[in-house]
N, C-alpha and C. Protein backbone atom coordinates (compact mmCIF):
# COMPACT_ATOMS: atom_id res chain seq x y z
N UNK A 1 0.84 -1.17 0.00
CA UNK A 1 0.00 0.00 0.00
C UNK A 1 0.89 1.23 0.00
N UNK A 2 0.50 2.21 -0.81
CA UNK A 2 1.20 3.49 -0.79
C UNK A 2 0.18 4.59 -0.48
N UNK A 3 0.65 5.64 0.13
CA UNK A 3 -0.18 6.80 0.43
C UNK A 3 0.27 7.91 -0.51
N UNK A 4 -0.64 8.33 -1.37
CA UNK A 4 -0.25 9.30 -2.38
C UNK A 4 -1.49 10.06 -2.85
N UNK A 5 -1.51 10.42 -4.12
CA UNK A 5 -2.58 11.21 -4.72
C UNK A 5 -3.33 10.34 -5.74
N UNK A 6 -4.42 9.69 -5.34
CA UNK A 6 -5.10 8.78 -6.26
C UNK A 6 -5.61 9.47 -7.53
N UNK A 7 -6.04 10.71 -7.43
CA UNK A 7 -6.51 11.44 -8.60
C UNK A 7 -5.41 11.64 -9.63
N UNK A 8 -4.20 11.89 -9.15
CA UNK A 8 -3.07 12.07 -10.05
C UNK A 8 -2.77 10.78 -10.81
N UNK A 9 -2.81 9.66 -10.10
CA UNK A 9 -2.58 8.37 -10.75
C UNK A 9 -3.69 8.06 -11.75
N UNK A 10 -4.92 8.38 -11.40
CA UNK A 10 -6.06 8.14 -12.30
C UNK A 10 -5.90 8.96 -13.59
N UNK A 11 -5.53 10.21 -13.45
CA UNK A 11 -5.36 11.05 -14.63
C UNK A 11 -4.18 10.58 -15.47
N UNK A 12 -3.09 10.19 -14.83
CA UNK A 12 -1.93 9.67 -15.55
C UNK A 12 -2.32 8.44 -16.36
N UNK A 13 -2.98 7.49 -15.72
CA UNK A 13 -3.38 6.26 -16.40
C UNK A 13 -4.37 6.58 -17.53
N UNK A 14 -5.34 7.44 -17.28
CA UNK A 14 -6.29 7.82 -18.31
C UNK A 14 -5.59 8.45 -19.51
N UNK A 15 -4.65 9.35 -19.26
CA UNK A 15 -3.93 10.00 -20.36
C UNK A 15 -3.16 8.98 -21.19
N UNK A 16 -2.50 8.03 -20.54
CA UNK A 16 -1.73 7.02 -21.27
C UNK A 16 -2.63 6.10 -22.08
N UNK A 17 -3.76 5.73 -21.52
CA UNK A 17 -4.72 4.88 -22.25
C UNK A 17 -5.27 5.62 -23.45
N UNK A 18 -5.71 6.87 -23.24
CA UNK A 18 -6.24 7.66 -24.35
C UNK A 18 -5.20 7.86 -25.45
N UNK A 19 -3.96 8.11 -25.04
CA UNK A 19 -2.88 8.29 -26.01
C UNK A 19 -2.69 7.02 -26.85
N UNK A 20 -2.73 5.87 -26.19
CA UNK A 20 -2.58 4.60 -26.91
C UNK A 20 -3.73 4.38 -27.88
N UNK A 21 -4.96 4.63 -27.43
CA UNK A 21 -6.12 4.43 -28.29
C UNK A 21 -6.06 5.34 -29.52
N UNK A 22 -5.75 6.60 -29.30
CA UNK A 22 -5.78 7.59 -30.38
C UNK A 22 -4.59 7.45 -31.32
N UNK A 23 -3.42 7.19 -30.77
CA UNK A 23 -2.20 7.19 -31.59
C UNK A 23 -1.67 5.79 -31.88
N UNK A 24 -1.43 5.01 -30.85
CA UNK A 24 -0.77 3.72 -31.04
C UNK A 24 -1.62 2.73 -31.82
N UNK A 25 -2.92 2.73 -31.55
CA UNK A 25 -3.79 1.72 -32.15
C UNK A 25 -4.73 2.28 -33.20
N UNK A 26 -4.40 3.43 -33.76
CA UNK A 26 -5.27 4.04 -34.76
C UNK A 26 -5.51 3.08 -35.94
N UNK A 27 -4.48 2.39 -36.37
CA UNK A 27 -4.61 1.50 -37.53
C UNK A 27 -4.45 0.03 -37.15
N UNK A 28 -4.35 -0.25 -35.86
CA UNK A 28 -4.18 -1.63 -35.40
C UNK A 28 -5.35 -1.98 -34.50
N UNK A 29 -6.33 -2.65 -35.06
CA UNK A 29 -7.53 -2.98 -34.30
C UNK A 29 -7.47 -4.39 -33.71
N UNK A 30 -6.68 -5.25 -34.30
CA UNK A 30 -6.57 -6.63 -33.81
C UNK A 30 -5.25 -6.81 -33.08
N UNK A 31 -5.27 -7.64 -32.08
CA UNK A 31 -4.07 -7.97 -31.29
C UNK A 31 -3.43 -6.75 -30.64
N UNK A 32 -4.22 -5.74 -30.34
CA UNK A 32 -3.72 -4.58 -29.62
C UNK A 32 -3.58 -4.94 -28.15
N UNK A 33 -2.39 -4.70 -27.61
CA UNK A 33 -2.11 -5.09 -26.22
C UNK A 33 -1.54 -3.90 -25.46
N UNK A 34 -2.06 -3.69 -24.26
CA UNK A 34 -1.48 -2.75 -23.30
C UNK A 34 -1.07 -3.58 -22.09
N UNK A 35 0.17 -3.41 -21.68
CA UNK A 35 0.70 -4.15 -20.53
C UNK A 35 1.07 -3.14 -19.44
N UNK A 36 0.52 -3.32 -18.26
CA UNK A 36 0.82 -2.45 -17.12
C UNK A 36 1.48 -3.29 -16.04
N UNK A 37 2.62 -2.82 -15.57
CA UNK A 37 3.37 -3.52 -14.52
C UNK A 37 3.61 -2.55 -13.37
N UNK A 38 3.34 -3.00 -12.16
CA UNK A 38 3.57 -2.21 -10.96
C UNK A 38 4.53 -2.96 -10.05
N UNK A 39 5.42 -2.24 -9.42
CA UNK A 39 6.27 -2.85 -8.41
C UNK A 39 6.62 -1.81 -7.36
N UNK A 40 6.92 -2.30 -6.18
CA UNK A 40 7.24 -1.43 -5.06
C UNK A 40 8.39 -2.04 -4.29
N UNK A 41 9.47 -1.27 -4.15
CA UNK A 41 10.53 -1.72 -3.25
C UNK A 41 10.57 -0.74 -2.07
N UNK A 42 11.61 -0.77 -1.31
CA UNK A 42 11.67 0.07 -0.11
C UNK A 42 11.55 1.56 -0.40
N UNK A 43 12.10 1.99 -1.53
CA UNK A 43 12.20 3.42 -1.78
C UNK A 43 11.48 3.93 -3.03
N UNK A 44 11.10 3.02 -3.93
CA UNK A 44 10.57 3.46 -5.22
C UNK A 44 9.36 2.63 -5.64
N UNK A 45 8.32 3.34 -6.07
CA UNK A 45 7.18 2.72 -6.73
C UNK A 45 7.41 2.84 -8.22
N UNK A 46 7.40 1.71 -8.94
CA UNK A 46 7.62 1.71 -10.38
C UNK A 46 6.32 1.31 -11.08
N UNK A 47 5.99 2.07 -12.12
CA UNK A 47 4.79 1.86 -12.89
C UNK A 47 5.20 1.89 -14.35
N UNK A 48 4.94 0.81 -15.09
CA UNK A 48 5.24 0.85 -16.51
C UNK A 48 3.98 0.60 -17.31
N UNK A 49 3.88 1.26 -18.45
CA UNK A 49 2.74 1.19 -19.35
C UNK A 49 3.31 0.97 -20.74
N UNK A 50 3.00 -0.18 -21.33
CA UNK A 50 3.60 -0.54 -22.61
C UNK A 50 2.51 -0.98 -23.58
N UNK A 51 2.64 -0.52 -24.84
CA UNK A 51 1.72 -0.97 -25.88
C UNK A 51 2.51 -1.55 -27.05
N UNK A 52 1.82 -2.32 -27.86
CA UNK A 52 2.45 -2.90 -29.05
C UNK A 52 1.95 -2.21 -30.31
N UNK A 53 1.69 -0.92 -30.19
CA UNK A 53 1.12 -0.14 -31.29
C UNK A 53 2.14 0.41 -32.26
N UNK A 54 1.81 1.56 -32.82
CA UNK A 54 2.56 2.16 -33.92
C UNK A 54 3.94 2.68 -33.54
N UNK A 55 4.16 2.99 -32.28
CA UNK A 55 5.43 3.60 -31.88
C UNK A 55 5.51 5.04 -32.37
N UNK A 56 6.62 5.68 -32.04
CA UNK A 56 6.82 7.08 -32.42
C UNK A 56 8.09 7.23 -33.23
N UNK A 57 8.08 8.22 -34.10
CA UNK A 57 9.31 8.56 -34.81
C UNK A 57 10.29 9.18 -33.80
N UNK A 58 11.54 9.22 -34.16
CA UNK A 58 12.54 9.83 -33.29
C UNK A 58 12.24 11.31 -33.05
N UNK A 59 11.74 11.98 -34.07
CA UNK A 59 11.40 13.40 -33.96
C UNK A 59 10.29 13.64 -32.93
N UNK A 60 9.24 12.83 -32.98
CA UNK A 60 8.16 12.96 -32.01
C UNK A 60 8.63 12.54 -30.62
N UNK A 61 9.42 11.48 -30.54
CA UNK A 61 9.92 11.02 -29.25
C UNK A 61 10.66 12.13 -28.51
N UNK A 62 11.48 12.88 -29.22
CA UNK A 62 12.30 13.93 -28.60
C UNK A 62 11.47 15.06 -28.02
N UNK A 63 10.25 15.26 -28.54
CA UNK A 63 9.42 16.37 -28.09
C UNK A 63 8.09 15.90 -27.47
N UNK A 64 7.95 14.61 -27.24
CA UNK A 64 6.66 14.03 -26.83
C UNK A 64 6.08 14.66 -25.57
N UNK A 65 6.92 15.07 -24.63
CA UNK A 65 6.43 15.64 -23.38
C UNK A 65 6.27 17.16 -23.42
N UNK A 66 6.63 17.77 -24.54
CA UNK A 66 6.48 19.22 -24.69
C UNK A 66 5.00 19.58 -24.89
N UNK A 67 4.59 20.75 -24.43
CA UNK A 67 3.19 21.13 -24.63
C UNK A 67 2.89 21.38 -26.11
N UNK A 68 1.69 21.01 -26.51
CA UNK A 68 1.14 21.25 -27.84
C UNK A 68 1.78 20.44 -28.95
N UNK A 69 2.51 19.37 -28.59
CA UNK A 69 3.06 18.48 -29.60
C UNK A 69 2.02 17.40 -29.88
N UNK A 70 1.54 17.36 -31.12
CA UNK A 70 0.55 16.36 -31.51
C UNK A 70 0.69 16.02 -32.98
N UNK A 71 0.35 14.80 -33.30
CA UNK A 71 0.27 14.39 -34.70
C UNK A 71 -1.18 14.41 -35.16
N UNK A 72 -2.09 14.85 -34.30
CA UNK A 72 -3.52 14.85 -34.60
C UNK A 72 -4.12 16.26 -34.49
N UNK A 73 -3.36 17.26 -34.88
CA UNK A 73 -3.83 18.64 -34.77
C UNK A 73 -5.16 18.84 -35.51
N UNK A 74 -5.28 18.31 -36.71
CA UNK A 74 -6.50 18.50 -37.50
C UNK A 74 -7.60 17.51 -37.13
N UNK A 75 -7.34 16.65 -36.16
CA UNK A 75 -8.35 15.68 -35.72
C UNK A 75 -8.76 15.92 -34.27
N UNK A 76 -8.51 17.12 -33.77
CA UNK A 76 -8.95 17.48 -32.43
C UNK A 76 -7.91 17.32 -31.34
N UNK A 77 -6.71 16.86 -31.68
CA UNK A 77 -5.66 16.70 -30.68
C UNK A 77 -5.13 18.04 -30.21
N UNK A 78 -4.87 18.14 -28.91
CA UNK A 78 -4.33 19.40 -28.36
C UNK A 78 -2.83 19.31 -28.11
N UNK A 79 -2.30 18.09 -28.00
CA UNK A 79 -0.90 17.94 -27.70
C UNK A 79 -0.58 18.19 -26.24
N UNK A 80 -1.56 18.02 -25.36
CA UNK A 80 -1.34 18.27 -23.94
C UNK A 80 -1.32 17.01 -23.09
N UNK A 81 -1.78 15.89 -23.60
CA UNK A 81 -1.89 14.67 -22.79
C UNK A 81 -0.58 14.22 -22.17
N UNK A 82 0.47 14.09 -22.97
CA UNK A 82 1.75 13.64 -22.42
C UNK A 82 2.42 14.73 -21.61
N UNK A 83 2.19 16.00 -21.96
CA UNK A 83 2.74 17.09 -21.17
C UNK A 83 2.12 17.11 -19.78
N UNK A 84 0.81 16.92 -19.71
CA UNK A 84 0.13 16.85 -18.41
C UNK A 84 0.63 15.64 -17.63
N UNK A 85 0.79 14.51 -18.30
CA UNK A 85 1.30 13.31 -17.64
C UNK A 85 2.70 13.55 -17.07
N UNK A 86 3.55 14.17 -17.86
CA UNK A 86 4.91 14.50 -17.41
C UNK A 86 4.87 15.39 -16.17
N UNK A 87 4.01 16.40 -16.19
CA UNK A 87 3.92 17.32 -15.06
C UNK A 87 3.33 16.65 -13.82
N UNK A 88 2.39 15.76 -14.00
CA UNK A 88 1.86 15.00 -12.85
C UNK A 88 2.98 14.22 -12.20
N UNK A 89 3.74 13.50 -13.01
CA UNK A 89 4.82 12.66 -12.47
C UNK A 89 5.90 13.50 -11.81
N UNK A 90 6.39 14.52 -12.50
CA UNK A 90 7.55 15.26 -12.00
C UNK A 90 7.20 16.30 -10.94
N UNK A 91 6.03 16.93 -11.05
CA UNK A 91 5.69 17.99 -10.11
C UNK A 91 4.87 17.47 -8.93
N UNK A 92 3.76 16.82 -9.21
CA UNK A 92 2.86 16.38 -8.14
C UNK A 92 3.42 15.17 -7.39
N UNK A 93 3.96 14.19 -8.14
CA UNK A 93 4.42 12.95 -7.52
C UNK A 93 5.92 12.92 -7.25
N UNK A 94 6.64 13.95 -7.70
CA UNK A 94 8.08 14.11 -7.46
C UNK A 94 8.90 12.94 -8.01
N UNK A 95 8.47 12.43 -9.16
CA UNK A 95 9.14 11.28 -9.75
C UNK A 95 9.76 11.61 -11.10
N UNK A 96 10.06 10.55 -11.84
CA UNK A 96 10.61 10.67 -13.19
C UNK A 96 9.82 9.77 -14.12
N UNK A 97 9.84 10.12 -15.40
CA UNK A 97 9.17 9.30 -16.41
C UNK A 97 10.13 9.12 -17.58
N UNK A 98 10.23 7.89 -18.06
CA UNK A 98 11.08 7.55 -19.19
C UNK A 98 10.21 7.08 -20.35
N UNK A 99 10.67 7.34 -21.55
CA UNK A 99 9.96 6.95 -22.76
C UNK A 99 10.88 6.11 -23.63
N UNK A 100 10.41 4.92 -23.99
CA UNK A 100 11.11 4.07 -24.95
C UNK A 100 10.12 3.80 -26.07
N UNK A 101 10.53 3.98 -27.30
CA UNK A 101 9.64 3.75 -28.43
C UNK A 101 10.44 3.46 -29.67
N UNK A 102 9.81 2.75 -30.56
CA UNK A 102 10.41 2.48 -31.86
C UNK A 102 9.27 2.43 -32.87
N UNK A 103 9.42 3.16 -33.95
CA UNK A 103 8.39 3.21 -34.99
C UNK A 103 8.02 1.79 -35.41
N UNK A 104 6.73 1.49 -35.34
CA UNK A 104 6.22 0.19 -35.74
C UNK A 104 6.36 -0.90 -34.68
N UNK A 105 6.97 -0.58 -33.54
CA UNK A 105 7.24 -1.61 -32.53
C UNK A 105 6.57 -1.32 -31.18
N UNK A 106 5.93 -0.16 -31.03
CA UNK A 106 5.27 0.13 -29.77
C UNK A 106 5.99 1.15 -28.93
N UNK A 107 5.40 1.42 -27.77
CA UNK A 107 5.90 2.46 -26.86
C UNK A 107 5.79 1.97 -25.43
N UNK A 108 6.77 2.38 -24.62
CA UNK A 108 6.76 2.04 -23.20
C UNK A 108 7.10 3.29 -22.39
N UNK A 109 6.24 3.57 -21.41
CA UNK A 109 6.49 4.64 -20.45
C UNK A 109 6.80 3.97 -19.12
N UNK A 110 7.88 4.39 -18.48
CA UNK A 110 8.22 3.87 -17.16
C UNK A 110 8.31 5.04 -16.19
N UNK A 111 7.55 4.92 -15.11
CA UNK A 111 7.46 5.98 -14.10
C UNK A 111 8.07 5.48 -12.80
N UNK A 112 8.90 6.32 -12.19
CA UNK A 112 9.52 6.01 -10.90
C UNK A 112 9.12 7.09 -9.91
N UNK A 113 8.47 6.67 -8.83
CA UNK A 113 7.98 7.60 -7.82
C UNK A 113 8.65 7.23 -6.48
N UNK A 114 9.34 8.18 -5.83
CA UNK A 114 9.90 7.89 -4.51
C UNK A 114 8.77 7.72 -3.48
N UNK A 115 8.96 6.79 -2.57
CA UNK A 115 7.96 6.58 -1.52
C UNK A 115 8.53 6.93 -0.16
């Protein structure tokens, strides 16, 4: 059990799920997988969110957490989902977030929160 901000975790998870649905699985309707792994040791809560979707280009990866970065500008995207997620992790939860992705191979976000 951890004592923290449940609303922050809910918003983080919602943002990552929405991002996967809108971007990762836009053209992949079958065999779409999201894998969530949680672990807790003495000092760190680790949360990983991985999909087997479209992945990101290197250009998008480098700016993914910046505000207003979106590949769906003309489809209603604001480019704020990952920026909000980044700020939740780093500001509210005092943690770090890592991004691993490869075009066509999926994306993995790993969050480390001190406890």
